[in-house]
Every structure is written in structure tokens, then in C-alpha cells.
PDB file of N, CA and C in Angstrom:
ATOM      1  N   ALA A   1      12.698 -17.751  17.432  1.00  0.00           N
ATOM      2  CA  ALA A   1      12.278 -16.443  17.306  1.00  0.00           C
ATOM      3  C   ALA A   1      13.293 -15.613  18.409  1.00  0.00           C
ATOM      4  N   ALA A   2      13.756 -14.537  18.170  1.00  0.00           N
ATOM      5  CA  ALA A   2      14.593 -13.874  18.893  1.00  0.00           C
ATOM      6  C   ALA A   2      14.304 -12.262  18.918  1.00  0.00           C
ATOM      7  N   THR A   3      14.778 -11.569  20.141  1.00  0.00           N
ATOM      8  CA  THR A   3      14.611 -10.167  20.092  1.00  0.00           C
ATOM      9  C   THR A   3      15.942  -9.651  19.901  1.00  0.00           C
ATOM     10  N   CYS A   4      16.181  -8.240  19.263  1.00  0.00           N
ATOM     11  CA  CYS A   4      17.530  -8.111  18.814  1.00  0.00           C
ATOM     12  C   CYS A   4      17.973  -6.833  20.273  1.00  0.00           C
ATOM     13  N   ASP A   5      18.829  -6.775  20.711  1.00  0.00           N
ATOM     14  CA  ASP A   5      19.439  -6.063  21.541  1.00  0.00           C
ATOM     15  C   ASP A   5      20.428  -5.037  21.126  1.00  0.00           C
ATOM     16  N   PRO A   6      20.853  -4.249  21.944  1.00  0.00           N
ATOM     17  CA  PRO A   6      21.843  -2.911  20.977  1.00  0.00           C
ATOM     18  C   PRO A   6      22.776  -3.582  20.464  1.00  0.00           C
ATOM     19  N   ILE A   7      23.340  -2.922  19.438  1.00  0.00           N
ATOM     20  CA  ILE A   7      24.465  -3.629  18.359  1.00  0.00           C
ATOM     21  C   ILE A   7      25.927  -3.015  19.046  1.00  0.00           C
ATOM     22  N   GLN A   8      26.505  -4.118  19.047  1.00  0.00           N
ATOM     23  CA  GLN A   8      28.237  -3.956  19.441  1.00  0.00           C
ATOM     24  C   GLN A   8      28.850  -4.066  18.089  1.00  0.00           C
ATOM     25  N   ILE A   9      29.675  -2.975  17.701  1.00  0.00           N
ATOM     26  CA  ILE A   9      30.461  -3.089  16.250  1.00  0.00           C
ATOM     27  C   ILE A   9      31.701  -3.277  16.559  1.00  0.00           C
ATOM     28  N   GLY A  10      32.527  -3.983  15.844  1.00  0.00           N
ATOM     29  CA  GLY A  10      33.928  -4.589  15.908  1.00  0.00           C
ATOM     30  C   GLY A  10      34.415  -5.001  14.391  1.00  0.00           C
ATOM     31  N   GLU A  11      35.778  -4.798  14.666  1.00  0.00           N
ATOM     32  CA  GLU A  11      36.575  -5.134  12.958  1.00  0.00           C
ATOM     33  C   GLU A  11      37.060  -6.436  13.188  1.00  0.00           C
ATOM     34  N   GLU A  12      37.055  -7.182  12.501  1.00  0.00           N
ATOM     35  CA  GLU A  12      37.707  -8.568  12.482  1.00  0.00           C
ATOM     36  C   GLU A  12      38.472  -8.652  11.353  1.00  0.00           C
ATOM     37  N   GLY A  13      39.867  -8.664  11.117  1.00  0.00           N
ATOM     38  CA  GLY A  13      40.504  -8.694   9.994  1.00  0.00           C
ATOM     39  C   GLY A  13      40.160  -7.826   8.852  1.00  0.00           C
ATOM     40  N   THR A  14      39.899  -8.017   7.843  1.00  0.00           N
ATOM     41  CA  THR A  14      40.065  -6.756   6.735  1.00  0.00           C
ATOM     42  C   THR A  14      38.265  -6.676   6.285  1.00  0.00           C
ATOM     43  N   ILE A  15      37.510  -7.761   6.650  1.00  0.00           N
ATOM     44  CA  ILE A  15      36.359  -7.235   6.536  1.00  0.00           C
ATOM     45  C   ILE A  15      35.408  -7.055   7.701  1.00  0.00           C
ATOM     46  N   PRO A  16      34.728  -5.836   7.683  1.00  0.00           N
ATOM     47  CA  PRO A  16      33.992  -5.164   8.662  1.00  0.00           C
ATOM     48  C   PRO A  16      32.942  -6.393   9.141  1.00  0.00           C
ATOM     49  N   SER A  17      32.990  -6.446  10.514  1.00  0.00           N
ATOM     50  CA  SER A  17      31.605  -7.249  10.887  1.00  0.00           C
ATOM     51  C   SER A  17      31.277  -6.679  12.151  1.00  0.00           C
ATOM     52  N   GLN A  18      30.226  -7.282  12.576  1.00  0.00           N
ATOM     53  CA  GLN A  18      29.735  -6.886  14.037  1.00  0.00           C
ATOM     54  C   GLN A  18      29.120  -8.065  14.752  1.00  0.00           C
ATOM     55  N   ARG A  19      29.011  -7.832  15.869  1.00  0.00           N
ATOM     56  CA  ARG A  19      28.464  -8.765  16.812  1.00  0.00           C
ATOM     57  C   ARG A  19      27.006  -8.169  17.619  1.00  0.00           C
ATOM     58  N   VAL A  20      25.811  -8.931  17.400  1.00  0.00           N
ATOM     59  CA  VAL A  20      24.797  -8.568  17.585  1.00  0.00           C
ATOM     60  C   VAL A  20      24.011  -9.414  18.693  1.00  0.00           C
ATOM     61  N   HIS A  21      23.506  -8.746  19.722  1.00  0.00           N
ATOM     62  CA  HIS A  21      22.965  -9.727  21.105  1.00  0.00           C
ATOM     63  C   HIS A  21      21.757 -10.009  20.949  1.00  0.00           C
ATOM     64  N   PHE A  22      21.506 -11.080  21.119  1.00  0.00           N
ATOM     65  CA  PHE A  22      20.072 -11.454  21.020  1.00  0.00           C
ATOM     66  C   PHE A  22      19.331 -12.263  22.296  1.00  0.00           C
ATOM     67  N   THR A  23      18.014 -12.087  22.771  1.00  0.00           N
ATOM     68  CA  THR A  23      17.521 -12.831  23.742  1.00  0.00           C
ATOM     69  C   THR A  23      16.639 -13.843  23.028  1.00  0.00           C
ATOM     70  N   VAL A  24      16.537 -15.032  23.397  1.00  0.00           N
ATOM     71  CA  VAL A  24      15.872 -16.315  22.754  1.00  0.00           C
ATOM     72  C   VAL A  24      13.989 -15.846  23.445  1.00  0.00           C
ATOM     73  N   ILE A  25      13.109 -15.961  22.731  1.00  0.00           N
ATOM     74  CA  ILE A  25      11.954 -15.929  22.821  1.00  0.00           C
ATOM     75  C   ILE A  25      11.477 -17.676  22.901  1.00  0.00           C
ATOM     76  N   ARG A  26      11.683 -18.093  21.997  1.00  0.00           N
ATOM     77  CA  ARG A  26      11.112 -19.436  21.636  1.00  0.00           C
ATOM     78  C   ARG A  26      12.500 -20.291  21.171  1.00  0.00           C
ATOM     79  N   GLY A  27      12.890 -21.393  21.468  1.00  0.00           N
ATOM     80  CA  GLY A  27      13.948 -22.069  20.885  1.00  0.00           C
ATOM     81  C   GLY A  27      13.186 -23.563  20.424  1.00  0.00           C
ATOM     82  N   ARG A  28      13.292 -23.895  19.192  1.00  0.00           N
ATOM     83  CA  ARG A  28      12.880 -25.341  18.735  1.00  0.00           C
ATOM     84  C   ARG A  28      13.723 -26.414  18.644  1.00  0.00           C
ATOM     85  N   LYS A  29      15.292 -26.097  18.635  1.00  0.00           N
ATOM     86  CA  LYS A  29      16.063 -27.390  18.487  1.00  0.00           C
ATOM     87  C   LYS A  29      17.054 -26.647  18.676  1.00  0.00           C
ATOM     88  N   GLY A  30      18.210 -27.614  19.135  1.00  0.00           N
ATOM     89  CA  GLY A  30      19.302 -27.172  19.815  1.00  0.00           C
ATOM     90  C   GLY A  30      19.571 -26.526  21.218  1.00  0.00           C
ATOM     91  N   SER A  31      20.625 -25.804  21.459  1.00  0.00           N
ATOM     92  CA  SER A  31      21.037 -25.574  22.925  1.00  0.00           C
ATOM     93  C   SER A  31      20.385 -24.629  23.598  1.00  0.00           C
ATOM     94  N   LEU A  32      19.749 -23.652  22.293  1.00  0.00           N
ATOM     95  CA  LEU A  32      19.177 -22.646  23.026  1.00  0.00           C
ATOM     96  C   LEU A  32      17.829 -22.581  23.388  1.00  0.00           C
ATOM     97  N   ARG A  33      17.412 -21.832  24.426  1.00  0.00           N
ATOM     98  CA  ARG A  33      16.185 -22.088  25.118  1.00  0.00           C
ATOM     99  C   ARG A  33      15.597 -20.535  25.230  1.00  0.00           C
ATOM    100  N   ALA A  34      14.153 -20.660  25.545  1.00  0.00           N
ATOM    101  CA  ALA A  34      13.426 -19.087  25.952  1.00  0.00           C
ATOM    102  C   ALA A  34      14.497 -18.582  27.176  1.00  0.00           C
ATOM    103  N   GLY A  35      14.773 -17.466  27.036  1.00  0.00           N
ATOM    104  CA  GLY A  35      15.158 -16.874  28.069  1.00  0.00           C
ATOM    105  C   GLY A  35      16.810 -16.670  27.855  1.00  0.00           C
ATOM    106  N   ASP A  36      17.377 -17.455  27.188  1.00  0.00           N
ATOM    107  CA  ASP A  36      19.005 -17.660  26.690  1.00  0.00           C
ATOM    108  C   ASP A  36      19.088 -16.226  26.061  1.00  0.00           C
ATOM    109  N   SER A  37      20.420 -16.056  26.048  1.00  0.00           N
ATOM    110  CA  SER A  37      20.990 -14.946  25.124  1.00  0.00           C
ATOM    111  C   SER A  37      21.947 -15.650  24.168  1.00  0.00           C
ATOM    112  N   PHE A  38      22.594 -14.858  23.272  1.00  0.00           N
ATOM    113  CA  PHE A  38      23.352 -15.244  22.628  1.00  0.00           C
ATOM    114  C   PHE A  38      23.809 -14.218  21.479  1.00  0.00           C
ATOM    115  N   VAL A  39      25.107 -14.118  20.947  1.00  0.00           N
ATOM    116  CA  VAL A  39      25.835 -13.303  20.234  1.00  0.00           C
ATOM    117  C   VAL A  39      25.724 -13.712  18.753  1.00  0.00           C
ATOM    118  N   LEU A  40      25.134 -13.215  17.837  1.00  0.00           N
ATOM    119  CA  LEU A  40      25.406 -13.478  16.444  1.00  0.00           C
ATOM    120  C   LEU A  40      26.421 -12.811  15.779  1.00  0.00           C
ATOM    121  N   PHE A  41      27.239 -13.577  15.062  1.00  0.00           N
ATOM    122  CA  PHE A  41      28.734 -12.767  14.080  1.00  0.00           C
ATOM    123  C   PHE A  41      27.815 -12.747  12.995  1.00  0.00           C
ATOM    124  N   GLN A  42      28.014 -10.988  12.197  1.00  0.00           N
ATOM    125  CA  GLN A  42      27.574 -10.617  11.136  1.00  0.00           C
ATOM    126  C   GLN A  42      28.411 -10.021  10.205  1.00  0.00           C
ATOM    127  N   ASN A  43      28.943 -10.292   9.161  1.00  0.00           N
ATOM    128  CA  ASN A  43      29.771  -9.594   8.046  1.00  0.00           C
ATOM    129  C   ASN A  43      29.106  -8.374   7.915  1.00  0.00           C
ATOM    130  N   GLY A  44      29.867  -7.155   7.581  1.00  0.00           N
ATOM    131  CA  GLY A  44      29.614  -6.128   7.229  1.00  0.00           C
ATOM    132  C   GLY A  44      29.004  -5.273   8.366  1.00  0.00           C
ATOM    133  N   ASN A  45      28.774  -3.922   8.447  1.00  0.00           N
ATOM    134  CA  ASN A  45      28.605  -3.178   9.145  1.00  0.00           C
ATOM    135  C   ASN A  45      27.413  -2.259   8.984  1.00  0.00           C
ATOM    136  N   ASN A  46      27.244  -1.178   9.563  1.00  0.00           N
ATOM    137  CA  ASN A  46      25.986  -0.121   9.400  1.00  0.00           C
ATOM    138  C   ASN A  46      26.378   0.615   8.309  1.00  0.00           C
ATOM    139  N   HIS A  47      27.562   0.592   7.708  1.00  0.00           N
ATOM    140  CA  HIS A  47      28.208   1.550   6.497  1.00  0.00           C
ATOM    141  C   HIS A  47      28.291   0.223   5.275  1.00  0.00           C
ATOM    142  N   ASN A  48      28.415  -0.684   5.371  1.00  0.00           N
ATOM    143  CA  ASN A  48      28.651  -1.873   4.526  1.00  0.00           C
ATOM    144  C   ASN A  48      27.958  -3.112   4.652  1.00  0.00           C
ATOM    145  N   ARG A  49      26.624  -3.306   3.771  1.00  0.00           N
ATOM    146  CA  ARG A  49      25.929  -4.410   4.155  1.00  0.00           C
ATOM    147  C   ARG A  49      26.056  -4.893   2.910  1.00  0.00           C
ATOM    148  N   PHE A  50      25.331  -6.531   3.086  1.00  0.00           N
ATOM    149  CA  PHE A  50      25.094  -7.301   1.852  1.00  0.00           C
ATOM    150  C   PHE A  50      23.581  -7.209   1.997  1.00  0.00           C
ATOM    151  N   ASP A  51      22.955  -7.354   0.825  1.00  0.00           N
ATOM    152  CA  ASP A  51      21.651  -6.979   0.279  1.00  0.00           C
ATOM    153  C   ASP A  51      20.965  -7.879   0.985  1.00  0.00           C
ATOM    154  N   GLU A  52      21.090  -9.396   1.266  1.00  0.00           N
ATOM    155  CA  GLU A  52      20.526 -10.078   1.867  1.00  0.00           C
ATOM    156  C   GLU A  52      20.783 -10.435   3.319  1.00  0.00           C
ATOM    157  N   ASP A  53      21.645  -9.485   3.877  1.00  0.00           N
ATOM    158  CA  ASP A  53      21.924  -9.457   5.383  1.00  0.00           C
ATOM    159  C   ASP A  53      21.874  -7.888   5.788  1.00  0.00           C
ATOM    160  N   PRO A  54      20.515  -7.457   5.889  1.00  0.00           N
ATOM    161  CA  PRO A  54      20.756  -6.158   6.465  1.00  0.00           C
ATOM    162  C   PRO A  54      21.004  -6.146   7.725  1.00  0.00           C
ATOM    163  N   SER A  55      20.949  -4.690   8.216  1.00  0.00           N
ATOM    164  CA  SER A  55      21.398  -4.737   9.838  1.00  0.00           C
ATOM    165  C   SER A  55      20.013  -5.198  10.570  1.00  0.00           C
ATOM    166  N   TYR A  56      20.273  -5.630  11.724  1.00  0.00           N
ATOM    167  CA  TYR A  56      19.245  -5.936  12.647  1.00  0.00           C
ATOM    168  C   TYR A  56      18.619  -4.860  13.223  1.00  0.00           C
ATOM    169  N   LYS A  57      17.369  -4.550  13.329  1.00  0.00           N
ATOM    170  CA  LYS A  57      16.640  -3.427  14.266  1.00  0.00           C
ATOM    171  C   LYS A  57      16.683  -3.870  15.725  1.00  0.00           C
ATOM    172  N   VAL A  58      17.024  -2.479  16.543  1.00  0.00           N
ATOM    173  CA  VAL A  58      17.154  -3.154  17.879  1.00  0.00           C
ATOM    174  C   VAL A  58      15.613  -2.957  18.318  1.00  0.00           C
ATOM    175  N   GLY A  59      15.369  -4.136  19.281  1.00  0.00           N
ATOM    176  CA  GLY A  59      14.261  -4.284  19.705  1.00  0.00           C
ATOM    177  C   GLY A  59      13.068  -5.211  18.609  1.00  0.00           C
ATOM    178  N   GLY A  60      13.819  -5.404  17.361  1.00  0.00           N
ATOM    179  CA  GLY A  60      13.026  -6.480  16.361  1.00  0.00           C
ATOM    180  C   GLY A  60      12.902  -7.780  16.659  1.00  0.00           C
ATOM    181  N   ARG A  61      12.029  -8.369  16.119  1.00  0.00           N
ATOM    182  CA  ARG A  61      11.962  -9.923  16.531  1.00  0.00           C
ATOM    183  C   ARG A  61      12.218 -10.731  15.345  1.00  0.00           C
ATOM    184  N   TYR A  62      12.980 -11.885  15.273  1.00  0.00           N
ATOM    185  CA  TYR A  62      13.317 -12.278  14.180  1.00  0.00           C
ATOM    186  C   TYR A  62      13.395 -13.949  14.437  1.00  0.00           C
ATOM    187  N   LEU A  63      12.988 -14.788  13.345  1.00  0.00           N
ATOM    188  CA  LEU A  63      12.714 -16.098  13.327  1.00  0.00           C
ATOM    189  C   LEU A  63      14.378 -16.324  12.666  1.00  0.00           C
ATOM    190  N   LEU A  64      15.213 -17.087  13.205  1.00  0.00           N
ATOM    191  CA  LEU A  64      16.487 -17.144  12.848  1.00  0.00           C
ATOM    192  C   LEU A  64      16.911 -18.811  12.846  1.00  0.00           C
ATOM    193  N   PHE A  65      17.747 -19.254  11.759  1.00  0.00           N
ATOM    194  CA  PHE A  65      18.204 -20.653  11.731  1.00  0.00           C
ATOM    195  C   PHE A  65      19.860 -20.457  11.711  1.00  0.00           C
ATOM    196  N   LEU A  66      20.197 -21.103  12.971  1.00  0.00           N
ATOM    197  CA  LEU A  66      21.433 -20.699  13.612  1.00  0.00           C
ATOM    198  C   LEU A  66      22.564 -22.058  13.266  1.00  0.00           C
ATOM    199  N   THR A  67      23.989 -21.712  13.392  1.00  0.00           N
ATOM    200  CA  THR A  67      24.839 -22.690  13.166  1.00  0.00           C
ATOM    201  C   THR A  67      25.818 -22.072  14.232  1.00  0.00           C
ATOM    202  N   PRO A  68      26.433 -23.001  15.269  1.00  0.00           N
ATOM    203  CA  PRO A  68      27.644 -22.375  16.259  1.00  0.00           C
ATOM    204  C   PRO A  68      28.646 -22.324  15.805  1.00  0.00           C
ATOM    205  N   ARG A  69      29.595 -21.262  16.043  1.00  0.00           N
ATOM    206  CA  ARG A  69      30.728 -20.828  15.498  1.00  0.00           C
ATOM    207  C   ARG A  69      32.024 -21.336  16.487  1.00  0.00           C
ATOM    208  N   GLU A  70      32.849 -21.857  16.398  1.00  0.00           N
ATOM    209  CA  GLU A  70      34.047 -22.076  17.400  1.00  0.00           C
ATOM    210  C   GLU A  70      34.467 -21.220  18.463  1.00  0.00           C
ATOM    211  N   ASP A  71      34.146 -19.674  18.164  1.00  0.00           N
ATOM    212  CA  ASP A  71      34.422 -18.662  19.233  1.00  0.00           C
ATOM    213  C   ASP A  71      33.211 -18.466  20.137  1.00  0.00           C
ATOM    214  N   GLY A  72      31.963 -19.299  19.940  1.00  0.00           N
ATOM    215  CA  GLY A  72      30.731 -19.328  20.524  1.00  0.00           C
ATOM    216  C   GLY A  72      29.860 -18.225  20.650  1.00  0.00           C
ATOM    217  N   THR A  73      29.933 -17.532  19.042  1.00  0.00           N
ATOM    218  CA  THR A  73      29.056 -16.934  18.559  1.00  0.00           C
ATOM    219  C   THR A  73      28.249 -17.869  17.492  1.00  0.00           C
ATOM    220  N   TYR A  74      27.119 -17.396  16.816  1.00  0.00           N
ATOM    221  CA  TYR A  74      26.466 -18.232  15.834  1.00  0.00           C
ATOM    222  C   TYR A  74      26.389 -17.353  14.590  1.00  0.00           C
ATOM    223  N   LEU A  75      25.992 -17.927  13.810  1.00  0.00           N
ATOM    224  CA  LEU A  75      26.056 -17.496  12.338  1.00  0.00           C
ATOM    225  C   LEU A  75      24.526 -17.994  11.829  1.00  0.00           C
ATOM    226  N   VAL A  76      23.994 -17.072  11.122  1.00  0.00           N
ATOM    227  CA  VAL A  76      22.532 -17.609  10.298  1.00  0.00           C
ATOM    228  C   VAL A  76      23.051 -18.807   9.222  1.00  0.00           C
ATOM    229  N   VAL A  77      22.434 -19.837   9.019  1.00  0.00           N
ATOM    230  CA  VAL A  77      22.661 -20.749   8.159  1.00  0.00           C
ATOM    231  C   VAL A  77      22.747 -20.327   6.796  1.00  0.00           C
ATOM    232  N   SER A  78      22.187 -19.553   6.063  1.00  0.00           N
ATOM    233  CA  SER A  78      22.156 -18.893   4.948  1.00  0.00           C
ATOM    234  C   SER A  78      21.234 -17.899   4.654  1.00  0.00           C
ATOM    235  N   PRO A  79      21.274 -16.805   3.587  1.00  0.00           N
ATOM    236  CA  PRO A  79      20.178 -15.762   3.717  1.00  0.00           C
ATOM    237  C   PRO A  79      18.823 -16.062   3.853  1.00  0.00           C
ATOM    238  N   GLU A  80      18.731 -17.777   3.482  1.00  0.00           N
ATOM    239  CA  GLU A  80      17.135 -18.272   3.877  1.00  0.00           C
ATOM    240  C   GLU A  80      16.747 -18.303   5.000  1.00  0.00           C
ATOM    241  N   GLY A  81      17.842 -18.265   5.911  1.00  0.00           N
ATOM    242  CA  GLY A  81      17.630 -18.540   7.248  1.00  0.00           C
ATOM    243  C   GLY A  81      17.485 -17.320   8.236  1.00  0.00           C
ATOM    244  N   ARG A  82      16.823 -16.426   7.679  1.00  0.00           N
ATOM    245  CA  ARG A  82      16.409 -15.091   8.515  1.00  0.00           C
ATOM    246  C   ARG A  82      15.370 -14.519   8.148  1.00  0.00           C
ATOM    247  N   TYR A  83      14.409 -14.292   9.124  1.00  0.00           N
ATOM    248  CA  TYR A  83      13.051 -13.552   8.831  1.00  0.00           C
ATOM    249  C   TYR A  83      12.986 -12.737   9.916  1.00  0.00           C
ATOM    250  N   GLN A  84      12.274 -11.363   9.370  1.00  0.00           N
ATOM    251  CA  GLN A  84      11.805 -10.541  10.806  1.00  0.00           C
ATOM    252  C   GLN A  84      10.357 -10.993  10.794  1.00  0.00           C
ATOM    253  N   VAL A  85      10.103 -10.955  11.957  1.00  0.00           N
ATOM    254  CA  VAL A  85       8.673 -11.345  12.722  1.00  0.00           C
ATOM    255  C   VAL A  85       7.841 -10.122  12.512  1.00  0.00           C
ATOM    256  N   THR A  86       6.868  -9.878  12.133  1.00  0.00           N
ATOM    257  CA  THR A  86       5.850  -8.644  11.987  1.00  0.00           C
ATOM    258  C   THR A  86       4.408  -8.952  12.073  1.00  0.00           C
ATOM    259  N   ARG A  87       3.586  -8.148  12.524  1.00  0.00           N
ATOM    260  CA  ARG A  87       2.229  -8.051  12.492  1.00  0.00           C
ATOM    261  C   ARG A  87       1.690  -8.932  11.339  1.00  0.00           C
ATOM    262  N   ASN A  88       2.361  -8.437  10.344  1.00  0.00           N
ATOM    263  CA  ASN A  88       1.719  -9.188   8.859  1.00  0.00           C
ATOM    264  C   ASN A  88       2.257 -10.418   8.658  1.00  0.00           C
ATOM    265  N   GLY A  89       2.850 -10.995   9.193  1.00  0.00           N
ATOM    266  CA  GLY A  89       3.765 -12.264   9.093  1.00  0.00           C
ATOM    267  C   GLY A  89       5.180 -12.159   8.820  1.00  0.00           C
ATOM    268  N   LEU A  90       5.653 -13.072   8.429  1.00  0.00           N
ATOM    269  CA  LEU A  90       7.469 -13.281   8.409  1.00  0.00           C
ATOM    270  C   LEU A  90       7.716 -12.252   7.084  1.00  0.00           C
ATOM    271  N   VAL A  91       8.627 -11.516   7.243  1.00  0.00           N
ATOM    272  CA  VAL A  91       9.507 -11.123   6.224  1.00  0.00           C
ATOM    273  C   VAL A  91      10.943 -11.332   5.810  1.00  0.00           C
ATOM    274  N   PRO A  92      11.095 -12.186   4.753  1.00  0.00           N
ATOM    275  CA  PRO A  92      12.462 -12.792   4.633  1.00  0.00           C
ATOM    276  C   PRO A  92      13.569 -11.854   4.138  1.00  0.00           C
ATOM    277  N   ALA A  93      14.607 -12.203   4.647  1.00  0.00           N
ATOM    278  CA  ALA A  93      15.763 -11.337   4.365  1.00  0.00           C
ATOM    279  C   ALA A  93      16.202 -11.345   2.724  1.00  0.00           C
ATOM    280  N   ALA A  94      16.114 -12.744   2.470  1.00  0.00           N
ATOM    281  CA  ALA A  94      16.161 -13.352   1.140  1.00  0.00           C
ATOM    282  C   ALA A  94      15.024 -13.344   0.091  1.00  0.00           C
ATOM    283  N   HIS A  95      15.152 -12.900  -0.854  1.00  0.00           N
ATOM    284  CA  HIS A  95      13.816 -12.786  -1.799  1.00  0.00           C
ATOM    285  C   HIS A  95      13.896 -13.887  -2.856  1.00  0.00           C
ATOM    286  N   LYS A  96      14.575 -14.999  -2.798  1.00  0.00           N
ATOM    287  CA  LYS A  96      14.706 -15.912  -3.744  1.00  0.00           C
ATOM    288  C   LYS A  96      14.683 -17.411  -2.823  1.00  0.00           C
ATOM    289  N   GLY A  97      14.312 -18.349  -3.688  1.00  0.00           N
ATOM    290  CA  GLY A  97      14.359 -19.634  -2.881  1.00  0.00           C
ATOM    291  C   GLY A  97      13.408 -19.860  -2.027  1.00  0.00           C
ATOM    292  N   PHE A  98      13.332 -20.887  -1.159  1.00  0.00           N
ATOM    293  CA  PHE A  98      12.238 -21.273  -0.242  1.00  0.00           C
ATOM    294  C   PHE A  98      11.866 -20.054   0.478  1.00  0.00           C
ATOM    295  N   ALA A  99      12.759 -19.093   0.941  1.00  0.00           N
ATOM    296  CA  ALA A  99      12.535 -18.011   1.877  1.00  0.00           C
ATOM    297  C   ALA A  99      11.379 -16.929   1.190  1.00  0.00           C
ATOM    298  N   ALA A 100      11.213 -16.827   0.009  1.00  0.00           N
ATOM    299  CA  ALA A 100      10.201 -16.153  -0.661  1.00  0.00           C
ATOM    300  C   ALA A 100       8.948 -17.013  -0.319  1.00  0.00           C
ATOM    301  N   ASP A 101       8.787 -18.015  -0.491  1.00  0.00           N
ATOM    302  CA  ASP A 101       7.662 -18.811  -0.293  1.00  0.00           C
ATOM    303  C   ASP A 101       6.991 -18.470   1.376  1.00  0.00           C
ATOM    304  N   LEU A 102       8.025 -18.221   2.295  1.00  0.00           N
ATOM    305  CA  LEU A 102       7.242 -18.026   3.441  1.00  0.00           C
ATOM    306  C   LEU A 102       7.038 -16.378   3.910  1.00  0.00           C
ATOM    307  N   ALA A 103       7.072 -15.435   2.777  1.00  0.00           N
ATOM    308  CA  ALA A 103       6.833 -14.391   2.976  1.00  0.00           C
ATOM    309  C   ALA A 103       4.975 -14.398   3.423  1.00  0.00           C
ATOM    310  N   GLY A 104       5.449 -13.617   4.455  1.00  0.00           N
ATOM    311  CA  GLY A 104       3.707 -13.286   5.255  1.00  0.00           C
ATOM    312  C   GLY A 104       3.281 -14.648   5.898  1.00  0.00           C
ATOM    313  N   ALA A 105       3.955 -15.521   5.969  1.00  0.00           N
ATOM    314  CA  ALA A 105       3.514 -16.585   7.131  1.00  0.00           C
ATOM    315  C   ALA A 105       3.220 -16.236   8.346  1.00  0.00           C
ATOM    316  N   SER A 106       2.612 -16.634   9.051  1.00  0.00           N
ATOM    317  CA  SER A 106       2.471 -16.620  10.272  1.00  0.00           C
ATOM    318  C   SER A 106       3.752 -17.438  11.189  1.00  0.00           C
ATOM    319  N   LEU A 107       4.291 -16.702  12.181  1.00  0.00           N
ATOM    320  CA  LEU A 107       5.474 -17.222  13.092  1.00  0.00           C
ATOM    321  C   LEU A 107       5.084 -18.908  13.290  1.00  0.00           C
ATOM    322  N   GLN A 108       3.644 -18.997  14.061  1.00  0.00           N
ATOM    323  CA  GLN A 108       3.424 -20.198  14.303  1.00  0.00           C
ATOM    324  C   GLN A 108       3.348 -21.470  13.253  1.00  0.00           C
ATOM    325  N   ASP A 109       2.868 -20.936  12.083  1.00  0.00           N
ATOM    326  CA  ASP A 109       2.872 -21.850  11.278  1.00  0.00           C
ATOM    327  C   ASP A 109       4.186 -22.294  10.553  1.00  0.00           C
ATOM    328  N   ALA A 110       5.071 -21.334  10.581  1.00  0.00           N
ATOM    329  CA  ALA A 110       6.327 -21.370  10.218  1.00  0.00           C
ATOM    330  C   ALA A 110       7.399 -22.633  11.124  1.00  0.00           C
ATOM    331  N   LEU A 111       6.930 -22.177  12.308  1.00  0.00           N
ATOM    332  CA  LEU A 111       7.358 -23.501  13.275  1.00  0.00           C
ATOM    333  C   LEU A 111       7.004 -24.390  13.346  1.00  0.00           C
ATOM    334  N   SER A 112       5.512 -24.665  13.140  1.00  0.00           N
ATOM    335  CA  SER A 112       5.182 -25.946  12.838  1.00  0.00           C
ATOM    336  C   SER A 112       5.549 -26.700  11.504  1.00  0.00           C
ATOM    337  N   ASP A 113       5.966 -26.161  10.754  1.00  0.00           N
ATOM    338  CA  ASP A 113       6.532 -26.711   9.621  1.00  0.00           C
ATOM    339  C   ASP A 113       8.053 -27.274   9.624  1.00  0.00           C
ATOM    340  N   VAL A 114       8.813 -26.567  10.609  1.00  0.00           N
ATOM    341  CA  VAL A 114       9.877 -26.694  11.020  1.00  0.00           C
ATOM    342  C   VAL A 114      10.083 -27.885  12.005  1.00  0.00           C
ATOM    343  N   GLU A 115       8.911 -28.003  12.925  1.00  0.00           N
ATOM    344  CA  GLU A 115       8.870 -29.336  13.795  1.00  0.00           C
ATOM    345  C   GLU A 115       8.365 -30.173  13.085  1.00  0.00           C
ATOM    346  N   ARG A 116       7.546 -30.491  12.038  1.00  0.00           N
ATOM    347  CA  ARG A 116       7.332 -31.706  11.440  1.00  0.00           C
ATOM    348  C   ARG A 116       8.558 -32.120  10.350  1.00  0.00           C
ATOM    349  N   THR A 117       9.453 -30.902   9.924  1.00  0.00           N
ATOM    350  CA  THR A 117      10.470 -31.507   9.160  1.00  0.00           C
ATOM    351  C   THR A 117      11.756 -32.315  10.036  1.00  0.00           C
ATOM    352  N   LEU A 118      11.826 -31.549  11.290  1.00  0.00           N
ATOM    353  CA  LEU A 118      12.808 -31.905  12.096  1.00  0.00           C
ATOM    354  C   LEU A 118      12.213 -33.768  12.493  1.00  0.00           C
ATOM    355  N   ALA A 119      10.962 -33.684  12.638  1.00  0.00           N
ATOM    356  CA  ALA A 119      10.548 -35.238  13.059  1.00  0.00           C
ATOM    357  C   ALA A 119      10.817 -36.145  11.973  1.00  0.00           C
ATOM    358  N   GLU A 120      10.618 -35.540  10.987  1.00  0.00           N
ATOM    359  CA  GLU A 120      10.826 -36.752  10.072  1.00  0.00           C
ATOM    360  C   GLU A 120      12.437 -36.850   9.418  1.00  0.00           C
ATOM    361  N   PHE A 121      13.194 -35.993   9.652  1.00  0.00           N
ATOM    362  CA  PHE A 121      14.668 -36.279   9.524  1.00  0.00           C
ATOM    363  C   PHE A 121      15.423 -35.893  11.131  1.00  0.00           C
ATOM    364  N   PRO A 122      15.214 -36.994  12.147  1.00  0.00           N
ATOM    365  CA  PRO A 122      15.812 -36.753  13.130  1.00  0.00           C
ATOM    366  C   PRO A 122      17.304 -36.660  13.002  1.00  0.00           C
ATOM    367  N   GLU A 123      18.139 -36.174  13.968  1.00  0.00           N
ATOM    368  CA  GLU A 123      19.545 -36.312  13.634  1.00  0.00           C
ATOM    369  C   GLU A 123      20.098 -37.605  14.158  1.00  0.00           C
ATOM    370  N   ARG A 124      21.395 -37.918  13.215  1.00  0.00           N
ATOM    371  CA  ARG A 124      22.187 -39.141  12.853  1.00  0.00           C
ATOM    372  C   ARG A 124      22.728 -39.410  13.812  1.00  0.00           C
TER     373      ARG A 124
END
């Protein structure tokens, strides 16, 4: 889970993109731990968004499944890898696939499922 900080917008090539700064609240796998900061690379900007990749809200809380990029930033692994954490449970950015099944789930339940899955399929 991470909290979104102010957005810095930049253009890369011909596709609008932005870099979103986050602070990690809890990390479950990989190198990011609580208190760490990271930068998420996102296609689109405030004027040009993809339906399943809306703008992040400053101060918002998210459950993100990430993969590192060569430039030191991160990407969400797929539309199903992004959830907003709300009082009413998780709100997936994607409305299809397994993401839809997690709509309304508690953050703790989702993280418990992730930890069980990681234990079943350790890295090779």
C-alpha cells in the first residue's frame, strides 16, 4: 500500500506521461519497504487518460503490484495491479478479470491472499 504525493508531469517521446511520487506504507515482496519512496511511471497525463489507469489522487492510498523499469521508476504490472484503498474496501481500477473479484475486499484480506500465493509459488 502506498500514499500518493504531488504529481510531477513530464512528456516522454510522443506519448504523454507522468511520474507519480509515492511513499510506501507497507511492502510485502521485493525491495520496497515501509517508509521508502518510489516513482511510478504512468502513461497519459491529466488531459489524456486511459480508462483503466485514471489519475492518482494526491494523498490517496493504493494497493499496487509493481515491476521495476530500467530507469529506476516502476510500472503497475497490469490494469489488475492497481487498487484504491477506501473505508469501504478496495476499489479496482480495472472492472474485469480478477480485479473485479477484489472490489470491496479489505486491504488486510487482499494482502493475506497475496502472502499465501507468494508462499505457494516462491521465486525460482
